[in-house]
PDB file of N, CA and C in Angstrom:
ATOM      1  N   MET A   1     -23.043-117.582  22.098  1.00  0.00           N
ATOM      2  CA  MET A   1     -22.030-116.738  22.254  1.00  0.00           C
ATOM      3  C   MET A   1     -21.162-117.249  23.380  1.00  0.00           C
ATOM      4  N   SER A   2     -19.910-117.487  23.376  1.00  0.00           N
ATOM      5  CA  SER A   2     -19.064-117.878  24.508  1.00  0.00           C
ATOM      6  C   SER A   2     -18.398-116.770  25.239  1.00  0.00           C
ATOM      7  N   ARG A   3     -18.646-116.633  26.595  1.00  0.00           N
ATOM      8  CA  ARG A   3     -17.932-115.685  27.269  1.00  0.00           C
ATOM      9  C   ARG A   3     -16.565-116.063  27.609  1.00  0.00           C
ATOM     10  N   ARG A   4     -15.643-114.967  27.546  1.00  0.00           N
ATOM     11  CA  ARG A   4     -14.421-115.398  27.823  1.00  0.00           C
ATOM     12  C   ARG A   4     -13.824-114.508  29.088  1.00  0.00           C
ATOM     13  N   PRO A   5     -12.995-114.997  29.853  1.00  0.00           N
ATOM     14  CA  PRO A   5     -12.418-114.277  30.876  1.00  0.00           C
ATOM     15  C   PRO A   5     -11.572-112.970  30.316  1.00  0.00           C
ATOM     16  N   ASN A   6     -11.579-111.942  31.199  1.00  0.00           N
ATOM     17  CA  ASN A   6     -10.687-110.889  30.909  1.00  0.00           C
ATOM     18  C   ASN A   6      -9.318-111.387  30.835  1.00  0.00           C
ATOM     19  N   PHE A   7      -8.484-110.929  29.924  1.00  0.00           N
ATOM     20  CA  PHE A   7      -7.124-111.501  29.775  1.00  0.00           C
ATOM     21  C   PHE A   7      -6.324-111.317  30.952  1.00  0.00           C
ATOM     22  N   MET A   8      -6.668-110.377  31.877  1.00  0.00           N
ATOM     23  CA  MET A   8      -5.711-110.196  33.079  1.00  0.00           C
ATOM     24  C   MET A   8      -5.990-111.366  34.044  1.00  0.00           C
ATOM     25  N   LEU A   9      -7.138-111.965  33.895  1.00  0.00           N
ATOM     26  CA  LEU A   9      -7.442-113.093  34.792  1.00  0.00           C
ATOM     27  C   LEU A   9      -6.953-114.402  34.370  1.00  0.00           C
ATOM     28  N   GLU A  10      -6.433-114.559  33.141  1.00  0.00           N
ATOM     29  CA  GLU A  10      -6.088-115.908  32.776  1.00  0.00           C
ATOM     30  C   GLU A  10      -5.094-116.491  33.633  1.00  0.00           C
ATOM     31  N   ASP A  11      -4.141-116.164  34.076  1.00  0.00           N
ATOM     32  CA  ASP A  11      -3.171-116.745  35.005  1.00  0.00           C
ATOM     33  C   ASP A  11      -3.909-116.988  36.368  1.00  0.00           C
ATOM     34  N   PHE A  12      -4.639-116.027  36.793  1.00  0.00           N
ATOM     35  CA  PHE A  12      -5.275-115.985  37.908  1.00  0.00           C
ATOM     36  C   PHE A  12      -6.217-117.152  38.042  1.00  0.00           C
ATOM     37  N   LEU A  13      -7.019-117.397  36.992  1.00  0.00           N
ATOM     38  CA  LEU A  13      -8.079-118.420  37.026  1.00  0.00           C
ATOM     39  C   LEU A  13      -7.413-119.881  36.593  1.00  0.00           C
ATOM     40  N   ASP A  14      -6.272-119.898  36.123  1.00  0.00           N
ATOM     41  CA  ASP A  14      -5.432-121.269  35.803  1.00  0.00           C
ATOM     42  C   ASP A  14      -5.169-122.017  37.026  1.00  0.00           C
ATOM     43  N   GLY A  15      -5.853-123.109  37.258  1.00  0.00           N
ATOM     44  CA  GLY A  15      -5.749-123.880  38.368  1.00  0.00           C
ATOM     45  C   GLY A  15      -4.405-124.616  38.498  1.00  0.00           C
ATOM     46  N   SER A  16      -3.645-124.653  37.338  1.00  0.00           N
ATOM     47  CA  SER A  16      -2.403-125.378  37.447  1.00  0.00           C
ATOM     48  C   SER A  16      -1.229-124.396  38.087  1.00  0.00           C
ATOM     49  N   VAL A  17      -1.572-123.143  37.882  1.00  0.00           N
ATOM     50  CA  VAL A  17      -0.665-122.155  38.499  1.00  0.00           C
ATOM     51  C   VAL A  17      -1.004-121.957  39.950  1.00  0.00           C
ATOM     52  N   SER A  18       0.050-122.215  40.864  1.00  0.00           N
ATOM     53  CA  SER A  18      -0.228-122.082  42.354  1.00  0.00           C
ATOM     54  C   SER A  18      -0.298-120.738  42.791  1.00  0.00           C
ATOM     55  N   LEU A  19      -1.111-120.503  43.824  1.00  0.00           N
ATOM     56  CA  LEU A  19      -1.147-118.980  44.356  1.00  0.00           C
ATOM     57  C   LEU A  19       0.052-119.100  45.367  1.00  0.00           C
ATOM     58  N   PRO A  20       1.004-117.973  45.176  1.00  0.00           N
ATOM     59  CA  PRO A  20       1.953-117.981  46.310  1.00  0.00           C
ATOM     60  C   PRO A  20       1.313-117.681  47.672  1.00  0.00           C
ATOM     61  N   GLU A  21       2.101-118.090  48.564  1.00  0.00           N
ATOM     62  CA  GLU A  21       1.564-117.897  50.038  1.00  0.00           C
ATOM     63  C   GLU A  21       1.192-116.402  50.265  1.00  0.00           C
ATOM     64  N   ILE A  22       0.055-116.148  50.850  1.00  0.00           N
ATOM     65  CA  ILE A  22      -0.349-114.789  51.120  1.00  0.00           C
ATOM     66  C   ILE A  22       0.223-114.292  52.408  1.00  0.00           C
ATOM     67  N   HIS A  23       0.771-113.200  52.444  1.00  0.00           N
ATOM     68  CA  HIS A  23       1.061-112.563  53.586  1.00  0.00           C
ATOM     69  C   HIS A  23      -0.064-111.734  54.204  1.00  0.00           C
ATOM     70  N   TRP A  24      -0.593-112.336  55.221  1.00  0.00           N
ATOM     71  CA  TRP A  24      -1.933-111.780  55.683  1.00  0.00           C
ATOM     72  C   TRP A  24      -1.880-110.266  56.249  1.00  0.00           C
ATOM     73  N   GLU A  25      -0.752-109.737  56.580  1.00  0.00           N
ATOM     74  CA  GLU A  25      -0.720-108.352  56.763  1.00  0.00           C
ATOM     75  C   GLU A  25      -1.022-107.581  55.478  1.00  0.00           C
ATOM     76  N   THR A  26      -0.981-108.108  54.294  1.00  0.00           N
ATOM     77  CA  THR A  26      -1.282-107.300  53.197  1.00  0.00           C
ATOM     78  C   THR A  26      -2.615-107.357  52.799  1.00  0.00           C
ATOM     79  N   VAL A  27      -3.514-108.166  53.447  1.00  0.00           N
ATOM     80  CA  VAL A  27      -4.831-108.339  53.114  1.00  0.00           C
ATOM     81  C   VAL A  27      -5.629-107.233  53.962  1.00  0.00           C
ATOM     82  N   PRO A  28      -6.423-106.436  53.143  1.00  0.00           N
ATOM     83  CA  PRO A  28      -7.118-105.289  53.772  1.00  0.00           C
ATOM     84  C   PRO A  28      -8.061-105.992  54.878  1.00  0.00           C
ATOM     85  N   PRO A  29      -8.229-105.108  56.096  1.00  0.00           N
ATOM     86  CA  PRO A  29      -9.056-105.611  57.086  1.00  0.00           C
ATOM     87  C   PRO A  29     -10.481-105.875  56.826  1.00  0.00           C
ATOM     88  N   GLY A  30     -11.073-106.793  57.131  1.00  0.00           N
ATOM     89  CA  GLY A  30     -12.379-107.064  56.895  1.00  0.00           C
ATOM     90  C   GLY A  30     -12.672-107.758  55.545  1.00  0.00           C
ATOM     91  N   VAL A  31     -11.639-108.137  54.923  1.00  0.00           N
ATOM     92  CA  VAL A  31     -11.820-108.778  53.574  1.00  0.00           C
ATOM     93  C   VAL A  31     -11.391-110.310  53.662  1.00  0.00           C
ATOM     94  N   ASP A  32     -12.182-111.145  53.169  1.00  0.00           N
ATOM     95  CA  ASP A  32     -11.962-112.575  53.210  1.00  0.00           C
ATOM     96  C   ASP A  32     -11.586-112.867  51.730  1.00  0.00           C
ATOM     97  N   PRO A  33     -10.257-113.245  51.549  1.00  0.00           N
ATOM     98  CA  PRO A  33      -9.627-113.338  50.209  1.00  0.00           C
ATOM     99  C   PRO A  33     -10.447-114.484  49.265  1.00  0.00           C
ATOM    100  N   PHE A  34     -10.763-115.612  50.078  1.00  0.00           N
ATOM    101  CA  PHE A  34     -11.422-116.688  49.459  1.00  0.00           C
ATOM    102  C   PHE A  34     -12.719-116.445  48.901  1.00  0.00           C
ATOM    103  N   ILE A  35     -13.467-115.458  49.627  1.00  0.00           N
ATOM    104  CA  ILE A  35     -14.818-115.018  48.986  1.00  0.00           C
ATOM    105  C   ILE A  35     -14.518-114.098  47.826  1.00  0.00           C
ATOM    106  N   VAL A  36     -13.616-113.306  47.984  1.00  0.00           N
ATOM    107  CA  VAL A  36     -13.314-112.342  46.933  1.00  0.00           C
ATOM    108  C   VAL A  36     -12.872-113.077  45.604  1.00  0.00           C
ATOM    109  N   TRP A  37     -11.931-114.018  45.744  1.00  0.00           N
ATOM    110  CA  TRP A  37     -11.270-114.711  44.539  1.00  0.00           C
ATOM    111  C   TRP A  37     -12.316-115.723  43.943  1.00  0.00           C
ATOM    112  N   GLU A  38     -13.206-116.173  44.699  1.00  0.00           N
ATOM    113  CA  GLU A  38     -14.026-117.261  44.107  1.00  0.00           C
ATOM    114  C   GLU A  38     -15.350-116.674  43.476  1.00  0.00           C
ATOM    115  N   GLY A  39     -15.438-115.558  43.597  1.00  0.00           N
ATOM    116  CA  GLY A  39     -16.774-114.868  43.214  1.00  0.00           C
ATOM    117  C   GLY A  39     -16.875-114.272  41.683  1.00  0.00           C
ATOM    118  N   TYR A  40     -16.211-115.109  40.810  1.00  0.00           N
ATOM    119  CA  TYR A  40     -16.455-114.544  39.491  1.00  0.00           C
ATOM    120  C   TYR A  40     -17.570-115.353  38.792  1.00  0.00           C
ATOM    121  N   ASP A  41     -18.249-114.786  37.750  1.00  0.00           N
ATOM    122  CA  ASP A  41     -19.176-115.335  36.907  1.00  0.00           C
ATOM    123  C   ASP A  41     -18.874-115.642  35.571  1.00  0.00           C
ATOM    124  N   GLN A  42     -18.790-116.816  35.278  1.00  0.00           N
ATOM    125  CA  GLN A  42     -18.542-117.340  33.942  1.00  0.00           C
ATOM    126  C   GLN A  42     -19.493-117.075  32.970  1.00  0.00           C
ATOM    127  N   GLY A  43     -20.616-116.689  33.347  1.00  0.00           N
ATOM    128  CA  GLY A  43     -21.648-116.316  32.367  1.00  0.00           C
ATOM    129  C   GLY A  43     -21.820-114.905  31.833  1.00  0.00           C
ATOM    130  N   VAL A  44     -20.888-114.101  32.265  1.00  0.00           N
ATOM    131  CA  VAL A  44     -20.812-112.708  31.745  1.00  0.00           C
ATOM    132  C   VAL A  44     -19.438-112.410  31.110  1.00  0.00           C
ATOM    133  N   GLU A  45     -19.523-111.587  30.368  1.00  0.00           N
ATOM    134  CA  GLU A  45     -18.350-111.248  29.444  1.00  0.00           C
ATOM    135  C   GLU A  45     -17.347-110.663  30.514  1.00  0.00           C
ATOM    136  N   GLY A  46     -15.995-111.331  30.235  1.00  0.00           N
ATOM    137  CA  GLY A  46     -14.969-110.764  31.107  1.00  0.00           C
ATOM    138  C   GLY A  46     -14.905-111.577  32.402  1.00  0.00           C
ATOM    139  N   TRP A  47     -15.876-112.451  32.596  1.00  0.00           N
ATOM    140  CA  TRP A  47     -15.936-113.201  33.871  1.00  0.00           C
ATOM    141  C   TRP A  47     -15.957-112.213  35.134  1.00  0.00           C
ATOM    142  N   VAL A  48     -16.565-111.065  35.107  1.00  0.00           N
ATOM    143  CA  VAL A  48     -16.494-110.183  36.018  1.00  0.00           C
ATOM    144  C   VAL A  48     -16.947-110.716  37.473  1.00  0.00           C
ATOM    145  N   PHE A  49     -16.560-110.257  38.479  1.00  0.00           N
ATOM    146  CA  PHE A  49     -16.746-110.736  39.968  1.00  0.00           C
ATOM    147  C   PHE A  49     -18.199-110.152  40.227  1.00  0.00           C
ATOM    148  N   TRP A  50     -18.893-111.171  41.045  1.00  0.00           N
ATOM    149  CA  TRP A  50     -20.342-110.780  41.216  1.00  0.00           C
ATOM    150  C   TRP A  50     -20.235-109.491  42.248  1.00  0.00           C
ATOM    151  N   TRP A  51     -19.206-109.273  43.090  1.00  0.00           N
ATOM    152  CA  TRP A  51     -19.110-108.133  43.957  1.00  0.00           C
ATOM    153  C   TRP A  51     -18.900-106.835  43.150  1.00  0.00           C
ATOM    154  N   PHE A  52     -18.397-106.945  41.919  1.00  0.00           N
ATOM    155  CA  PHE A  52     -18.187-105.557  41.151  1.00  0.00           C
ATOM    156  C   PHE A  52     -19.633-104.999  40.827  1.00  0.00           C
ATOM    157  N   PRO A  53     -19.688-103.633  40.996  1.00  0.00           N
ATOM    158  CA  PRO A  53     -21.063-102.993  40.845  1.00  0.00           C
ATOM    159  C   PRO A  53     -21.603-103.272  39.369  1.00  0.00           C
ATOM    160  N   GLY A  54     -22.863-103.491  39.433  1.00  0.00           N
ATOM    161  CA  GLY A  54     -23.609-103.695  38.144  1.00  0.00           C
ATOM    162  C   GLY A  54     -24.382-102.310  37.712  1.00  0.00           C
ATOM    163  N   HIS A  55     -24.039-101.387  38.584  1.00  0.00           N
ATOM    164  CA  HIS A  55     -24.861 -99.976  38.301  1.00  0.00           C
ATOM    165  C   HIS A  55     -23.907 -98.881  38.752  1.00  0.00           C
ATOM    166  N   ASP A  56     -24.187 -97.689  38.269  1.00  0.00           N
ATOM    167  CA  ASP A  56     -23.471 -96.431  38.863  1.00  0.00           C
ATOM    168  C   ASP A  56     -23.774 -96.211  40.338  1.00  0.00           C
ATOM    169  N   GLN A  57     -22.864 -96.328  41.084  1.00  0.00           N
ATOM    170  CA  GLN A  57     -23.240 -96.031  42.561  1.00  0.00           C
ATOM    171  C   GLN A  57     -23.749 -94.493  42.733  1.00  0.00           C
ATOM    172  N   VAL A  58     -23.592 -93.798  41.999  1.00  0.00           N
ATOM    173  CA  VAL A  58     -24.080 -92.284  42.254  1.00  0.00           C
ATOM    174  C   VAL A  58     -25.307 -92.171  41.592  1.00  0.00           C
ATOM    175  N   THR A  59     -25.449 -92.487  40.360  1.00  0.00           N
ATOM    176  CA  THR A  59     -26.817 -92.295  39.684  1.00  0.00           C
ATOM    177  C   THR A  59     -27.801 -93.385  39.685  1.00  0.00           C
ATOM    178  N   GLY A  60     -27.227 -94.585  39.981  1.00  0.00           N
ATOM    179  CA  GLY A  60     -28.111 -95.712  39.986  1.00  0.00           C
ATOM    180  C   GLY A  60     -28.359 -96.262  38.514  1.00  0.00           C
ATOM    181  N   ARG A  61     -27.715 -95.713  37.448  1.00  0.00           N
ATOM    182  CA  ARG A  61     -27.970 -96.244  36.223  1.00  0.00           C
ATOM    183  C   ARG A  61     -27.368 -97.731  36.086  1.00  0.00           C
ATOM    184  N   SER A  62     -27.982 -98.667  35.463  1.00  0.00           N
ATOM    185  CA  SER A  62     -27.474 -99.881  35.278  1.00  0.00           C
ATOM    186  C   SER A  62     -26.468 -99.936  34.188  1.00  0.00           C
ATOM    187  N   TYR A  63     -25.330-100.811  34.313  1.00  0.00           N
ATOM    188  CA  TYR A  63     -24.422-101.082  33.360  1.00  0.00           C
ATOM    189  C   TYR A  63     -24.825-102.198  32.449  1.00  0.00           C
ATOM    190  N   GLY A  64     -24.576-102.031  31.113  1.00  0.00           N
ATOM    191  CA  GLY A  64     -24.624-103.259  30.276  1.00  0.00           C
ATOM    192  C   GLY A  64     -23.656-104.123  30.633  1.00  0.00           C
ATOM    193  N   GLU A  65     -23.712-105.510  30.002  1.00  0.00           N
ATOM    194  CA  GLU A  65     -22.734-106.379  30.374  1.00  0.00           C
ATOM    195  C   GLU A  65     -21.190-105.948  29.835  1.00  0.00           C
ATOM    196  N   PHE A  66     -21.253-105.391  28.657  1.00  0.00           N
ATOM    197  CA  PHE A  66     -19.808-105.146  28.117  1.00  0.00           C
ATOM    198  C   PHE A  66     -19.283-103.938  28.757  1.00  0.00           C
ATOM    199  N   GLU A  67     -20.164-102.923  29.214  1.00  0.00           N
ATOM    200  CA  GLU A  67     -19.730-101.700  29.984  1.00  0.00           C
ATOM    201  C   GLU A  67     -19.342-102.041  31.220  1.00  0.00           C
ATOM    202  N   ARG A  68     -19.920-102.995  31.911  1.00  0.00           N
ATOM    203  CA  ARG A  68     -19.306-103.480  33.175  1.00  0.00           C
ATOM    204  C   ARG A  68     -18.079-104.248  33.174  1.00  0.00           C
ATOM    205  N   ALA A  69     -17.888-105.009  32.090  1.00  0.00           N
ATOM    206  CA  ALA A  69     -16.589-105.654  31.874  1.00  0.00           C
ATOM    207  C   ALA A  69     -15.517-104.716  31.541  1.00  0.00           C
ATOM    208  N   SER A  70     -15.772-103.656  30.850  1.00  0.00           N
ATOM    209  CA  SER A  70     -14.782-102.548  30.538  1.00  0.00           C
ATOM    210  C   SER A  70     -14.385-101.954  31.812  1.00  0.00           C
ATOM    211  N   LEU A  71     -15.366-101.445  32.509  1.00  0.00           N
ATOM    212  CA  LEU A  71     -15.096-100.809  33.893  1.00  0.00           C
ATOM    213  C   LEU A  71     -14.342-101.621  34.784  1.00  0.00           C
ATOM    214  N   PHE A  72     -14.714-102.902  34.781  1.00  0.00           N
ATOM    215  CA  PHE A  72     -13.900-103.854  35.710  1.00  0.00           C
ATOM    216  C   PHE A  72     -12.411-103.787  35.359  1.00  0.00           C
ATOM    217  N   GLU A  73     -12.181-103.994  33.921  1.00  0.00           N
ATOM    218  CA  GLU A  73     -10.830-103.958  33.368  1.00  0.00           C
ATOM    219  C   GLU A  73     -10.086-102.671  33.808  1.00  0.00           C
ATOM    220  N   LYS A  74     -10.649-101.592  33.720  1.00  0.00           N
ATOM    221  CA  LYS A  74     -10.142-100.295  33.784  1.00  0.00           C
ATOM    222  C   LYS A  74      -9.705-100.236  35.272  1.00  0.00           C
ATOM    223  N   GLU A  75     -10.548-100.572  36.116  1.00  0.00           N
ATOM    224  CA  GLU A  75     -10.254-100.572  37.641  1.00  0.00           C
ATOM    225  C   GLU A  75      -9.237-101.389  38.049  1.00  0.00           C
ATOM    226  N   LEU A  76      -9.113-102.492  37.480  1.00  0.00           N
ATOM    227  CA  LEU A  76      -8.099-103.559  37.750  1.00  0.00           C
ATOM    228  C   LEU A  76      -6.767-103.182  37.246  1.00  0.00           C
ATOM    229  N   GLU A  77      -6.855-102.457  36.056  1.00  0.00           N
ATOM    230  CA  GLU A  77      -5.547-101.938  35.699  1.00  0.00           C
ATOM    231  C   GLU A  77      -5.126-100.788  36.356  1.00  0.00           C
ATOM    232  N   ARG A  78      -5.980-100.030  36.763  1.00  0.00           N
ATOM    233  CA  ARG A  78      -5.560 -98.731  37.845  1.00  0.00           C
ATOM    234  C   ARG A  78      -4.821 -99.352  38.964  1.00  0.00           C
ATOM    235  N   ILE A  79      -5.229-100.458  39.566  1.00  0.00           N
ATOM    236  CA  ILE A  79      -4.682-100.817  40.846  1.00  0.00           C
ATOM    237  C   ILE A  79      -3.373-101.464  40.410  1.00  0.00           C
ATOM    238  N   LEU A  80      -3.290-102.156  39.344  1.00  0.00           N
ATOM    239  CA  LEU A  80      -2.128-102.714  39.097  1.00  0.00           C
ATOM    240  C   LEU A  80      -0.990-101.835  38.652  1.00  0.00           C
ATOM    241  N   ARG A  81      -1.372-100.859  38.063  1.00  0.00           N
ATOM    242  CA  ARG A  81      -0.423 -99.433  37.793  1.00  0.00           C
ATOM    243  C   ARG A  81       0.057 -99.010  39.003  1.00  0.00           C
ATOM    244  N   ALA A  82      -0.880 -98.825  39.927  1.00  0.00           N
ATOM    245  CA  ALA A  82      -0.211 -98.453  41.421  1.00  0.00           C
ATOM    246  C   ALA A  82       0.677 -99.286  42.100  1.00  0.00           C
ATOM    247  N   MET A  83       0.485-100.478  41.783  1.00  0.00           N
ATOM    248  CA  MET A  83       1.315-101.671  42.208  1.00  0.00           C
ATOM    249  C   MET A  83       2.642-101.675  41.436  1.00  0.00           C
ATOM    250  N   HIS A  84       2.808-100.795  40.457  1.00  0.00           N
ATOM    251  CA  HIS A  84       3.983-100.915  39.416  1.00  0.00           C
ATOM    252  C   HIS A  84       4.022-102.367  38.865  1.00  0.00           C
ATOM    253  N   ARG A  85       2.868-102.941  38.595  1.00  0.00           N
ATOM    254  CA  ARG A  85       2.657-104.170  37.945  1.00  0.00           C
ATOM    255  C   ARG A  85       2.069-104.345  36.646  1.00  0.00           C
ATOM    256  N   TRP A  86       1.933-103.121  36.103  1.00  0.00           N
ATOM    257  CA  TRP A  86       1.186-102.848  34.660  1.00  0.00           C
ATOM    258  C   TRP A  86       2.203-102.361  33.691  1.00  0.00           C
ATOM    259  N   PRO A  87       2.246-103.094  32.491  1.00  0.00           N
ATOM    260  CA  PRO A  87       1.722-104.238  32.292  1.00  0.00           C
ATOM    261  C   PRO A  87       2.079-105.465  33.007  1.00  0.00           C
ATOM    262  N   LEU A  88       1.294-106.431  33.134  1.00  0.00           N
ATOM    263  CA  LEU A  88       1.482-107.631  34.034  1.00  0.00           C
ATOM    264  C   LEU A  88       3.019-108.128  33.470  1.00  0.00           C
ATOM    265  N   TRP A  89       3.813-108.462  34.157  1.00  0.00           N
ATOM    266  CA  TRP A  89       5.148-109.117  33.907  1.00  0.00           C
ATOM    267  C   TRP A  89       5.435-110.222  34.845  1.00  0.00           C
ATOM    268  N   GLY A  90       6.551-111.111  34.350  1.00  0.00           N
ATOM    269  CA  GLY A  90       6.955-112.058  35.279  1.00  0.00           C
ATOM    270  C   GLY A  90       6.391-113.493  34.994  1.00  0.00           C
ATOM    271  N   THR A  91       6.677-114.432  35.676  1.00  0.00           N
ATOM    272  CA  THR A  91       6.168-115.725  35.594  1.00  0.00           C
ATOM    273  C   THR A  91       4.554-115.716  35.730  1.00  0.00           C
ATOM    274  N   SER A  92       4.105-116.857  35.488  1.00  0.00           N
ATOM    275  CA  SER A  92       2.409-116.871  35.644  1.00  0.00           C
ATOM    276  C   SER A  92       2.178-116.821  37.240  1.00  0.00           C
ATOM    277  N   THR A  93       3.087-117.364  37.911  1.00  0.00           N
ATOM    278  CA  THR A  93       2.773-117.361  39.405  1.00  0.00           C
ATOM    279  C   THR A  93       2.856-116.061  39.980  1.00  0.00           C
ATOM    280  N   LEU A  94       3.801-115.192  39.499  1.00  0.00           N
ATOM    281  CA  LEU A  94       3.967-113.824  39.729  1.00  0.00           C
ATOM    282  C   LEU A  94       2.760-112.954  39.221  1.00  0.00           C
ATOM    283  N   LYS A  95       2.294-113.230  38.093  1.00  0.00           N
ATOM    284  CA  LYS A  95       1.031-112.675  37.569  1.00  0.00           C
ATOM    285  C   LYS A  95      -0.132-112.930  38.451  1.00  0.00           C
ATOM    286  N   LYS A  96      -0.258-114.157  38.852  1.00  0.00           N
ATOM    287  CA  LYS A  96      -1.415-114.594  39.524  1.00  0.00           C
ATOM    288  C   LYS A  96      -1.475-113.948  40.855  1.00  0.00           C
ATOM    289  N   HIS A  97      -0.202-113.807  41.435  1.00  0.00           N
ATOM    290  CA  HIS A  97      -0.069-113.066  42.704  1.00  0.00           C
ATOM    291  C   HIS A  97      -0.450-111.670  42.702  1.00  0.00           C
ATOM    292  N   ALA A  98       0.011-110.956  41.566  1.00  0.00           N
ATOM    293  CA  ALA A  98      -0.298-109.514  41.350  1.00  0.00           C
ATOM    294  C   ALA A  98      -1.748-109.359  41.305  1.00  0.00           C
ATOM    295  N   VAL A  99      -2.386-110.022  40.567  1.00  0.00           N
ATOM    296  CA  VAL A  99      -3.782-110.069  40.189  1.00  0.00           C
ATOM    297  C   VAL A  99      -4.645-110.303  41.608  1.00  0.00           C
ATOM    298  N   ALA A 100      -4.271-111.313  42.238  1.00  0.00           N
ATOM    299  CA  ALA A 100      -4.973-111.682  43.445  1.00  0.00           C
ATOM    300  C   ALA A 100      -4.935-110.450  44.557  1.00  0.00           C
ATOM    301  N   ILE A 101      -3.746-109.789  44.679  1.00  0.00           N
ATOM    302  CA  ILE A 101      -3.647-108.593  45.483  1.00  0.00           C
ATOM    303  C   ILE A 101      -4.427-107.617  44.851  1.00  0.00           C
ATOM    304  N   ALA A 102      -4.524-107.191  43.571  1.00  0.00           N
ATOM    305  CA  ALA A 102      -5.231-106.168  43.071  1.00  0.00           C
ATOM    306  C   ALA A 102      -6.657-106.409  43.215  1.00  0.00           C
ATOM    307  N   LEU A 103      -7.127-107.631  43.076  1.00  0.00           N
ATOM    308  CA  LEU A 103      -8.563-108.201  43.345  1.00  0.00           C
ATOM    309  C   LEU A 103      -8.988-107.631  44.928  1.00  0.00           C
ATOM    310  N   LEU A 104      -8.186-107.998  45.627  1.00  0.00           N
ATOM    311  CA  LEU A 104      -8.467-107.739  47.135  1.00  0.00           C
ATOM    312  C   LEU A 104      -8.625-106.112  47.321  1.00  0.00           C
ATOM    313  N   GLN A 105      -7.672-105.417  46.674  1.00  0.00           N
ATOM    314  CA  GLN A 105      -7.742-103.967  46.919  1.00  0.00           C
ATOM    315  C   GLN A 105      -9.017-103.464  46.133  1.00  0.00           C
ATOM    316  N   LEU A 106      -9.458-103.940  44.992  1.00  0.00           N
ATOM    317  CA  LEU A 106     -10.587-103.475  44.375  1.00  0.00           C
ATOM    318  C   LEU A 106     -11.790-103.845  45.106  1.00  0.00           C
ATOM    319  N   TYR A 107     -11.944-104.965  45.686  1.00  0.00           N
ATOM    320  CA  TYR A 107     -13.044-105.327  46.717  1.00  0.00           C
ATOM    321  C   TYR A 107     -13.089-104.225  47.917  1.00  0.00           C
ATOM    322  N   CYS A 108     -12.049-104.158  48.444  1.00  0.00           N
ATOM    323  CA  CYS A 108     -11.842-103.173  49.689  1.00  0.00           C
ATOM    324  C   CYS A 108     -12.409-101.917  49.242  1.00  0.00           C
ATOM    325  N   GLU A 109     -12.000-101.459  48.072  1.00  0.00           N
ATOM    326  CA  GLU A 109     -12.351 -99.996  47.602  1.00  0.00           C
ATOM    327  C   GLU A 109     -14.001-100.005  47.447  1.00  0.00           C
ATOM    328  N   ILE A 110     -14.455-101.112  46.697  1.00  0.00           N
ATOM    329  CA  ILE A 110     -15.827-101.089  46.426  1.00  0.00           C
ATOM    330  C   ILE A 110     -16.688-101.272  47.649  1.00  0.00           C
ATOM    331  N   GLN A 111     -16.200-101.971  48.683  1.00  0.00           N
ATOM    332  CA  GLN A 111     -16.985-102.112  49.944  1.00  0.00           C
ATOM    333  C   GLN A 111     -16.678-100.895  50.926  1.00  0.00           C
ATOM    334  N   ASN A 112     -16.001 -99.889  50.398  1.00  0.00           N
ATOM    335  CA  ASN A 112     -15.783 -98.727  51.317  1.00  0.00           C
ATOM    336  C   ASN A 112     -14.762 -99.195  52.527  1.00  0.00           C
ATOM    337  N   LEU A 113     -13.994-100.171  52.518  1.00  0.00           N
ATOM    338  CA  LEU A 113     -13.300-100.577  53.608  1.00  0.00           C
ATOM    339  C   LEU A 113     -11.873 -99.988  53.602  1.00  0.00           C
ATOM    340  N   CYS A 114     -11.588 -99.259  52.457  1.00  0.00           N
ATOM    341  CA  CYS A 114     -10.264 -98.706  52.399  1.00  0.00           C
ATOM    342  C   CYS A 114     -10.340 -97.677  51.288  1.00  0.00           C
ATOM    343  N   ASP A 115      -9.334 -96.626  51.375  1.00  0.00           N
ATOM    344  CA  ASP A 115      -9.205 -95.616  50.360  1.00  0.00           C
ATOM    345  C   ASP A 115      -8.748 -96.118  48.893  1.00  0.00           C
ATOM    346  N   LYS A 116      -8.992 -95.516  47.883  1.00  0.00           N
ATOM    347  CA  LYS A 116      -8.581 -95.958  46.493  1.00  0.00           C
ATOM    348  C   LYS A 116      -6.933 -95.503  46.463  1.00  0.00           C
ATOM    349  N   VAL A 117      -6.373 -96.447  45.825  1.00  0.00           N
ATOM    350  CA  VAL A 117      -4.912 -96.195  45.567  1.00  0.00           C
ATOM    351  C   VAL A 117      -4.671 -95.419  44.247  1.00  0.00           C
TER     352      VAL A 117
END
């Protein structure tokens, strides 16, 4: 069974689409963008990032692979909505930039470095 990336990650993971210059003042404090962006796992459904929780942080219950992929998608969509970028629109470069920033925010929230948007 072949694992596919989440559809929102398609432009982000496309090496032929360049990532626009990042304005470092928009990067949450304590977050290394390159660690965040490089940390996806091609062996799991949705290519969920390794830093995305594999269990419920309150109850400790482990997520199944597809449940985790679904939760990741919902969280990423929530942040893109807050950015007024959902549904994703624009060129591949604009989509890649929006997802890159949303991933930084999601990582920041999960690591308790910033508040949820």
